[in-house]
Protein backbone atom coordinates (compact mmCIF):
# COMPACT_ATOMS: atom_id res chain seq x y z
CA MET A 1 -54.36 -7.91 -0.80
CA LYS A 2 -57.18 -5.88 0.79
CA GLY A 3 -59.11 -6.49 3.97
CA TYR A 4 -61.85 -4.51 5.83
CA VAL A 5 -60.84 -3.72 9.34
CA VAL A 6 -62.23 -2.04 12.41
CA ARG A 7 -60.21 0.58 14.23
CA THR A 8 -60.74 1.00 17.93
CA PRO A 9 -62.93 1.98 19.59
CA GLY A 10 -65.21 0.82 16.84
CA GLY A 11 -68.07 2.33 15.00
CA LEU A 12 -69.08 2.21 11.35
CA ASP A 13 -67.16 5.29 10.64
CA GLN A 14 -64.11 3.42 11.91
CA LEU A 15 -64.21 0.65 9.31
CA VAL A 16 -61.43 0.95 6.78
CA ILE A 17 -59.99 -0.92 3.78
CA LYS A 18 -56.39 -1.82 4.55
CA ASP A 19 -53.54 -3.42 2.59
CA ILE A 20 -52.78 -6.81 4.30
CA PRO A 21 -49.88 -9.04 3.35
CA ASP A 22 -50.78 -12.04 1.22
CA PRO A 23 -50.88 -15.09 3.33
CA GLY A 24 -48.75 -17.10 0.85
CA LYS A 25 -48.82 -20.79 0.43
CA PRO A 26 -50.52 -23.17 2.85
CA ALA A 27 -48.43 -25.01 5.42
CA PRO A 28 -49.01 -28.71 6.24
CA GLY A 29 -52.57 -29.16 7.35
CA GLN A 30 -53.66 -25.84 5.88
CA ILE A 31 -55.56 -24.76 2.78
CA ARG A 32 -55.52 -21.44 0.85
CA VAL A 33 -58.89 -20.12 -0.04
CA ALA A 34 -59.96 -17.25 -2.41
CA ILE A 35 -62.83 -15.67 -0.51
CA HIS A 36 -65.67 -14.46 -2.64
CA ALA A 37 -68.56 -13.66 -0.20
CA THR A 38 -69.57 -13.09 3.47
CA SER A 39 -72.87 -12.53 5.21
CA LEU A 40 -73.82 -10.15 8.00
CA ASN A 41 -74.82 -11.33 11.51
CA PHE A 42 -75.67 -9.40 14.65
CA HIS A 43 -72.42 -10.60 16.18
CA ASP A 44 -70.50 -8.90 13.33
CA LEU A 45 -72.31 -5.77 13.93
CA LEU A 46 -71.48 -5.79 17.61
CA VAL A 47 -67.84 -6.16 16.69
CA ALA A 48 -68.00 -3.45 14.00
CA THR A 49 -69.58 -0.95 16.41
CA GLY A 50 -67.23 -1.73 19.25
CA GLN A 51 -69.93 -3.29 21.50
CA ILE A 52 -67.72 -6.41 21.39
CA PRO A 53 -64.16 -5.01 21.66
CA ALA A 54 -61.75 -6.38 19.31
CA ASP A 55 -58.07 -5.70 18.56
CA ASP A 56 -57.26 -2.59 16.66
CA GLY A 57 -57.20 -3.44 13.01
CA ARG A 58 -59.07 -6.66 13.28
CA VAL A 59 -60.38 -8.06 10.01
CA LEU A 60 -64.10 -8.34 10.18
CA MET A 61 -66.64 -10.94 9.47
CA SER A 62 -67.11 -14.47 10.80
CA ASP A 63 -68.73 -15.93 7.59
CA GLY A 64 -66.61 -16.69 4.53
CA ALA A 65 -67.20 -18.76 1.31
CA GLY A 66 -64.94 -19.20 -1.62
CA VAL A 67 -62.81 -21.65 -3.64
CA VAL A 68 -59.71 -23.68 -2.56
CA GLU A 69 -56.64 -22.55 -4.45
CA ALA A 70 -54.07 -24.82 -2.91
CA VAL A 71 -53.66 -27.44 -0.09
CA GLY A 72 -50.81 -28.10 2.21
CA ASP A 73 -49.09 -31.43 2.76
CA GLY A 74 -51.31 -33.92 4.58
CA VAL A 75 -54.69 -32.42 3.59
CA THR A 76 -56.80 -34.99 1.95
CA GLU A 77 -60.35 -33.65 2.58
CA PHE A 78 -60.02 -30.79 0.13
CA ALA A 79 -58.51 -30.19 -3.35
CA ALA A 80 -57.93 -27.22 -5.46
CA GLY A 81 -61.19 -25.99 -7.02
CA ASP A 82 -63.35 -27.14 -4.12
CA HIS A 83 -66.03 -24.73 -2.94
CA VAL A 84 -65.90 -24.22 0.84
CA VAL A 85 -67.51 -22.37 3.65
CA SER A 86 -65.93 -21.27 7.01
CA CYS A 87 -66.66 -22.56 10.46
CA PHE A 88 -67.58 -20.06 13.31
CA PHE A 89 -65.68 -22.16 15.83
CA PRO A 90 -62.84 -23.70 13.83
CA GLN A 91 -61.40 -25.35 17.01
CA TRP A 92 -64.74 -27.12 17.84
CA SER A 93 -64.78 -30.24 15.73
CA ASP A 94 -67.57 -32.33 17.39
CA GLY A 95 -69.25 -33.12 20.64
CA LEU A 96 -70.14 -30.84 23.33
CA PRO A 97 -68.81 -27.24 23.45
CA SER A 98 -65.62 -26.88 25.53
CA PRO A 99 -64.24 -23.82 27.41
CA ALA A 100 -62.19 -23.11 24.30
CA VAL A 101 -65.32 -21.87 22.49
CA HIS A 102 -66.56 -19.79 25.40
CA ASP A 103 -64.62 -16.57 24.95
CA PHE A 104 -64.63 -16.31 21.08
CA SER A 105 -60.81 -16.22 20.99
CA GLY A 106 -60.71 -18.45 17.97
CA THR A 107 -63.73 -17.08 16.23
CA PRO A 108 -62.98 -15.33 12.86
CA GLY A 109 -63.85 -11.61 12.87
CA ASP A 110 -63.67 -11.44 16.70
CA GLY A 111 -60.70 -13.10 18.40
CA ILE A 112 -58.89 -13.82 15.14
CA ASP A 113 -58.99 -12.15 11.75
CA GLY A 114 -62.14 -12.84 9.75
CA PHE A 115 -63.08 -13.12 6.17
CA ALA A 116 -63.54 -9.59 4.87
CA ILE A 117 -60.43 -10.30 2.75
CA THR A 118 -59.64 -11.66 -0.68
CA HIS A 119 -57.60 -14.66 0.34
CA ALA A 120 -57.16 -16.73 3.53
CA VAL A 121 -54.76 -19.41 4.60
CA ARG A 122 -56.17 -21.48 7.50
CA ASP A 123 -56.23 -24.89 8.98
CA ALA A 124 -58.34 -27.23 6.83
CA ALA A 125 -60.61 -27.78 9.83
CA ALA A 126 -61.63 -24.10 9.68
CA PHE A 127 -63.75 -24.93 6.62
CA THR A 128 -66.34 -27.55 5.33
CA HIS A 129 -67.41 -28.29 1.81
CA ALA A 130 -70.16 -26.00 0.63
CA PRO A 131 -73.53 -27.29 -0.57
CA GLN A 132 -73.79 -28.54 -4.06
CA ASP A 133 -74.46 -26.05 -6.78
CA TRP A 134 -74.74 -23.16 -4.27
CA SER A 135 -73.22 -19.72 -5.11
CA HIS A 136 -70.58 -18.35 -2.84
CA THR A 137 -73.09 -15.82 -1.56
CA GLU A 138 -75.65 -18.50 -0.66
CA SER A 139 -72.89 -20.65 1.06
CA ALA A 140 -71.86 -17.58 3.17
CA THR A 141 -75.19 -17.69 4.99
CA ILE A 142 -74.38 -21.08 6.55
CA THR A 143 -71.66 -20.43 8.96
CA THR A 144 -73.55 -18.52 11.63
CA ALA A 145 -77.28 -17.99 11.00
CA GLY A 146 -78.09 -21.25 9.20
CA LEU A 147 -76.12 -23.48 11.53
CA THR A 148 -77.54 -21.76 14.54
CA ALA A 149 -81.10 -22.53 13.37
CA TRP A 150 -80.10 -26.12 12.61
CA ARG A 151 -78.62 -26.69 16.07
CA ALA A 152 -81.58 -25.07 17.79
CA LEU A 153 -84.13 -27.19 16.18
CA ILE A 154 -82.35 -30.47 15.11
CA VAL A 155 -79.27 -30.99 17.32
CA ASP A 156 -80.51 -29.59 20.63
CA GLY A 157 -84.29 -29.56 20.00
CA ALA A 158 -84.46 -33.10 18.39
CA MET A 159 -87.45 -31.64 16.42
CA LYS A 160 -89.65 -34.13 14.66
CA ALA A 161 -92.51 -34.10 12.08
CA GLY A 162 -95.74 -32.77 13.59
CA ASP A 163 -93.95 -30.47 16.17
CA THR A 164 -94.80 -26.83 16.35
CA VAL A 165 -92.07 -24.28 15.99
CA LEU A 166 -92.37 -20.65 17.05
CA THR A 167 -90.02 -18.23 15.34
CA LEU A 168 -89.51 -14.47 16.24
CA GLY A 169 -88.93 -11.91 13.61
CA THR A 170 -87.62 -12.38 10.03
CA GLY A 171 -83.79 -12.16 10.29
CA GLY A 172 -81.51 -14.72 8.99
CA VAL A 173 -81.74 -17.26 11.87
CA SER A 174 -85.52 -17.08 12.07
CA ILE A 175 -86.02 -17.44 8.26
CA ALA A 176 -83.63 -20.44 8.26
CA ALA A 177 -85.55 -21.94 11.12
CA ILE A 178 -88.77 -21.63 9.24
CA GLN A 179 -87.30 -23.39 6.17
CA ILE A 180 -85.76 -26.20 8.26
CA ALA A 181 -88.94 -26.70 10.24
CA LYS A 182 -91.15 -26.95 7.15
CA ALA A 183 -88.69 -29.29 5.37
CA MET A 184 -88.76 -31.62 8.27
CA GLY A 185 -92.55 -31.70 8.61
CA ALA A 186 -93.16 -29.38 11.47
CA SER A 187 -95.66 -26.61 11.83
CA VAL A 188 -94.50 -22.93 12.11
CA ILE A 189 -95.98 -19.98 13.92
CA ALA A 190 -94.00 -16.80 12.87
CA THR A 191 -94.06 -13.34 14.46
CA SER A 192 -93.09 -9.98 13.02
CA SER A 193 -94.08 -6.31 13.39
CA SER A 194 -94.73 -6.05 9.63
CA ASP A 195 -97.75 -7.40 7.91
CA GLU A 196 -95.76 -7.37 4.62
CA LYS A 197 -93.10 -9.58 6.06
CA LEU A 198 -95.66 -11.91 7.55
CA GLU A 199 -97.10 -12.36 4.06
CA ARG A 200 -93.59 -13.32 2.89
CA VAL A 201 -93.24 -15.95 5.67
CA LYS A 202 -96.65 -17.50 4.69
CA SER A 203 -95.13 -17.91 1.24
CA LEU A 204 -92.26 -19.90 2.96
CA GLY A 205 -94.90 -22.16 4.48
CA ALA A 206 -95.61 -20.62 7.88
CA ASP A 207 -98.88 -22.04 9.08
CA HIS A 208 -99.86 -19.08 11.35
CA THR A 209 -98.56 -15.54 11.73
CA ILE A 210 -98.69 -13.04 14.52
CA ASN A 211 -98.06 -9.27 14.31
CA TYR A 212 -96.55 -8.63 17.76
CA ARG A 213 -97.39 -4.97 17.47
CA GLN A 214 -101.00 -5.73 17.30
CA GLU A 215 -100.89 -8.74 19.68
CA GLU A 216 -98.64 -7.52 22.48
CA ASN A 217 -99.45 -10.57 24.57
CA TRP A 218 -98.41 -12.85 21.67
CA GLY A 219 -97.55 -15.75 23.98
CA GLU A 220 -101.26 -16.12 24.75
CA LYS A 221 -102.01 -15.91 21.02
CA VAL A 222 -99.64 -18.96 20.48
CA LEU A 223 -101.51 -20.85 23.13
CA GLU A 224 -104.75 -20.05 21.32
CA LEU A 225 -103.49 -21.16 18.03
CA THR A 226 -102.23 -24.50 19.51
CA ASP A 227 -105.55 -25.19 21.47
CA GLY A 228 -103.88 -24.28 24.74
CA ARG A 229 -100.88 -26.65 24.25
CA GLY A 230 -98.13 -24.24 23.30
CA ALA A 231 -95.25 -24.52 20.93
CA ASP A 232 -92.87 -27.50 21.14
CA HIS A 233 -89.90 -25.39 20.14
CA VAL A 234 -89.23 -21.58 20.43
CA VAL A 235 -86.38 -20.05 18.47
CA GLU A 236 -85.77 -17.12 20.83
CA VAL A 237 -83.68 -14.45 19.19
CA GLY A 238 -84.95 -11.32 21.16
CA GLY A 239 -83.54 -11.97 24.61
CA PRO A 240 -84.74 -10.25 27.73
CA GLY A 241 -87.47 -8.21 26.04
CA THR A 242 -89.19 -11.26 24.49
CA LEU A 243 -88.29 -14.18 26.82
CA ALA A 244 -91.24 -13.81 29.14
CA GLN A 245 -93.66 -14.15 26.19
CA SER A 246 -91.64 -17.17 24.84
CA ILE A 247 -91.96 -18.91 28.15
CA ASN A 248 -95.62 -18.29 28.17
CA ALA A 249 -95.82 -19.59 24.55
CA VAL A 250 -93.90 -22.81 25.07
CA ARG A 251 -95.69 -26.03 25.90
CA VAL A 252 -95.25 -27.86 29.23
CA GLY A 253 -91.93 -29.73 28.86
CA GLY A 254 -91.02 -27.75 25.62
CA HIS A 255 -87.79 -26.42 24.40
CA ILE A 256 -86.64 -22.70 24.10
CA ALA A 257 -83.48 -22.11 22.17
CA LEU A 258 -81.97 -18.83 23.57
CA ILE A 259 -79.77 -17.59 20.83
CA GLY A 260 -80.20 -13.83 20.55
CA VAL A 261 -79.75 -10.66 22.51
CA LEU A 262 -81.52 -8.18 20.11
CA THR A 263 -83.35 -6.48 23.07
CA GLY A 264 -80.41 -6.43 25.44
CA MET A 265 -77.79 -8.38 27.28
CA ALA A 266 -79.57 -8.93 30.54
CA GLY A 267 -82.99 -8.83 32.03
CA ASP A 268 -85.67 -10.51 34.28
CA VAL A 269 -86.64 -14.16 33.83
CA PRO A 270 -90.09 -15.19 35.01
CA THR A 271 -88.57 -18.23 36.87
CA ALA A 272 -91.77 -19.34 38.48
CA THR A 273 -93.53 -19.70 35.13
CA LEU A 274 -90.47 -21.41 33.65
CA MET A 275 -90.50 -23.91 36.46
CA ALA A 276 -94.26 -24.48 36.09
CA LYS A 277 -93.78 -25.15 32.38
CA GLN A 278 -90.94 -27.48 33.12
CA ALA A 279 -89.53 -26.12 29.91
CA ARG A 280 -85.83 -26.51 28.85
CA LEU A 281 -84.28 -23.11 28.29
CA GLN A 282 -81.01 -23.61 26.47
CA GLY A 283 -78.51 -21.03 25.53
CA LEU A 284 -76.53 -21.76 22.38
CA ILE A 285 -74.04 -20.15 20.04
CA VAL A 286 -73.81 -21.54 16.58
CA GLY A 287 -72.39 -25.07 16.49
CA SER A 288 -69.55 -27.54 15.78
CA ARG A 289 -67.83 -28.40 12.58
CA ARG A 290 -69.63 -31.76 12.62
CA ASN A 291 -73.05 -29.89 13.08
CA GLN A 292 -72.17 -27.85 9.97
CA GLN A 293 -71.40 -30.87 8.00
CA ASP A 294 -74.66 -32.58 9.00
CA TYR A 295 -76.60 -29.39 8.12
CA ILE A 296 -75.06 -29.17 4.67
CA THR A 297 -75.91 -32.90 4.08
CA ALA A 298 -79.50 -31.94 4.89
CA LEU A 299 -79.42 -28.93 2.59
CA ASN A 300 -78.22 -31.11 -0.29
CA GLN A 301 -81.09 -33.52 0.34
CA THR A 302 -83.98 -31.09 0.93
CA GLY A 303 -83.29 -28.54 -1.69
CA ILE A 304 -83.48 -25.57 0.83
CA ARG A 305 -81.97 -22.44 -0.54
CA PRO A 306 -81.31 -19.46 1.65
CA ILE A 307 -83.25 -16.12 1.43
CA VAL A 308 -80.91 -13.32 0.57
CA ASP A 309 -82.56 -9.90 0.86
CA ARG A 310 -79.82 -7.75 -0.48
CA THR A 311 -76.24 -8.02 -1.67
CA PHE A 312 -73.56 -5.37 -1.37
CA GLY A 313 -70.12 -5.01 -2.98
CA PHE A 314 -66.93 -5.33 -0.92
CA GLU A 315 -66.41 -1.61 -0.53
CA GLN A 316 -69.94 -1.16 0.61
CA LEU A 317 -69.58 -3.11 3.84
CA PRO A 318 -70.42 -0.12 6.03
CA ASP A 319 -73.59 0.48 4.07
CA ALA A 320 -74.48 -3.16 4.53
CA PHE A 321 -74.18 -2.71 8.35
CA ARG A 322 -76.39 0.39 8.19
CA PHE A 323 -78.97 -1.61 6.38
CA GLU A 324 -78.78 -4.31 9.02
CA GLU A 325 -79.19 -1.63 11.66
CA SER A 326 -82.41 -0.42 10.00
CA GLY A 327 -84.05 -3.77 10.62
CA GLY A 328 -85.58 -3.59 7.20
CA HIS A 329 -84.22 -6.94 5.90
CA PHE A 330 -85.88 -10.31 5.34
CA GLY A 331 -83.47 -13.07 5.69
CA LYS A 332 -79.74 -12.56 5.03
CA ILE A 333 -77.61 -9.51 3.98
CA CYS A 334 -74.56 -10.43 2.08
CA VAL A 335 -71.41 -8.92 0.71
CA GLU A 336 -69.70 -10.50 -2.39
CA TRP A 337 -66.57 -9.65 -4.40
C-alpha cells in the first residue's frame, strides 16, 4: 500500500509517497481500517517542515477517518462496516492527562506513523465511532481541531448559555469554537484580518466581529463590546503575539484556553495584568478519547457540520500544506482518497 512520509530533515520538498507493507489482519484487541480522509492541522505542518523533528520516513497526519474492514478477537465496540475516526492521543482514554501524553510519543503522524495511508491496523482504542451520516472528510476534522475547541469551551471552560466567547482568526479550531459556542447558546466575538472572512463568520452566527488590522488594540474593543466586562472565554490560538491582548480582553475571573503557537513558541506574558484579572490561563492539547466520544454525541444532537474550505487528493498533500501556509483558508483543509 501507499503512504505519504517525510524524509529528514523535513520540508515540503521532502514529502514522498512510499510503498509500505500492508498491515495485515488485526490481532486481538485491534481493528483494521480503510482510511479515506485526513485533515490538516498546524501540528502536521510543523512535522512536515521539520520544525517538530520526526523519524526519517514517518508516515504523516494525525487525523484519519475511514471504514472498519475487520476486527480482532475481543473487540466488541466495533464491527466491519462501521465508520470511525482516529484519536490524537490513543493512549489517553479518560480523566486528566498523564505524562504519557506529554511528549507526543504515541501521537499518530509524530511519535508513531500517522494516517496518510490507505489502511491501518491499530488498537481499537485508537478510534471512536464517527458522527452519524458524516462523510469521511467531515469526520477527519474531529480528531485535532474539533476536539480542541470542544475541550477548550466545554470540558475545561464549562461554558454555559449566555457566556461570551472570543475567537481569534478563522482556522479550524476557531471556526469549530464558533459553531460550538452558538449551538450552546453563547455569544461570540470573532477576530480576523480579513473583512471578507468576518462576513463569513457572521453567517455562522458571530454576534460581533473585529478586524485586528484595523483595531490593533483589539482587547480594548472586546471590553467596549461587552460594556467593560470582557469575554468569559478566550480561544487563544496565536500564542505570544496575541496573548497580551487576550488577557486584556478576558473578564475578571475568566478563562483563556491557550492552544496555539501561530506567532511563536515563547514570549513575554503580562503577569501583573493576568494576576489583576484573576483569570485562568490554561494550556491544552486536544483531549482524551472520552472527550472525543462526548463531542461526537453533541455533534449528533446539535446538527453541527464542519466547515471544509478545500479538499485535495492524496497525491496533492504537499500542495495542501502550501495552501495551509498561505493562511488563505477558512475552516479546515482536507485530503481524501
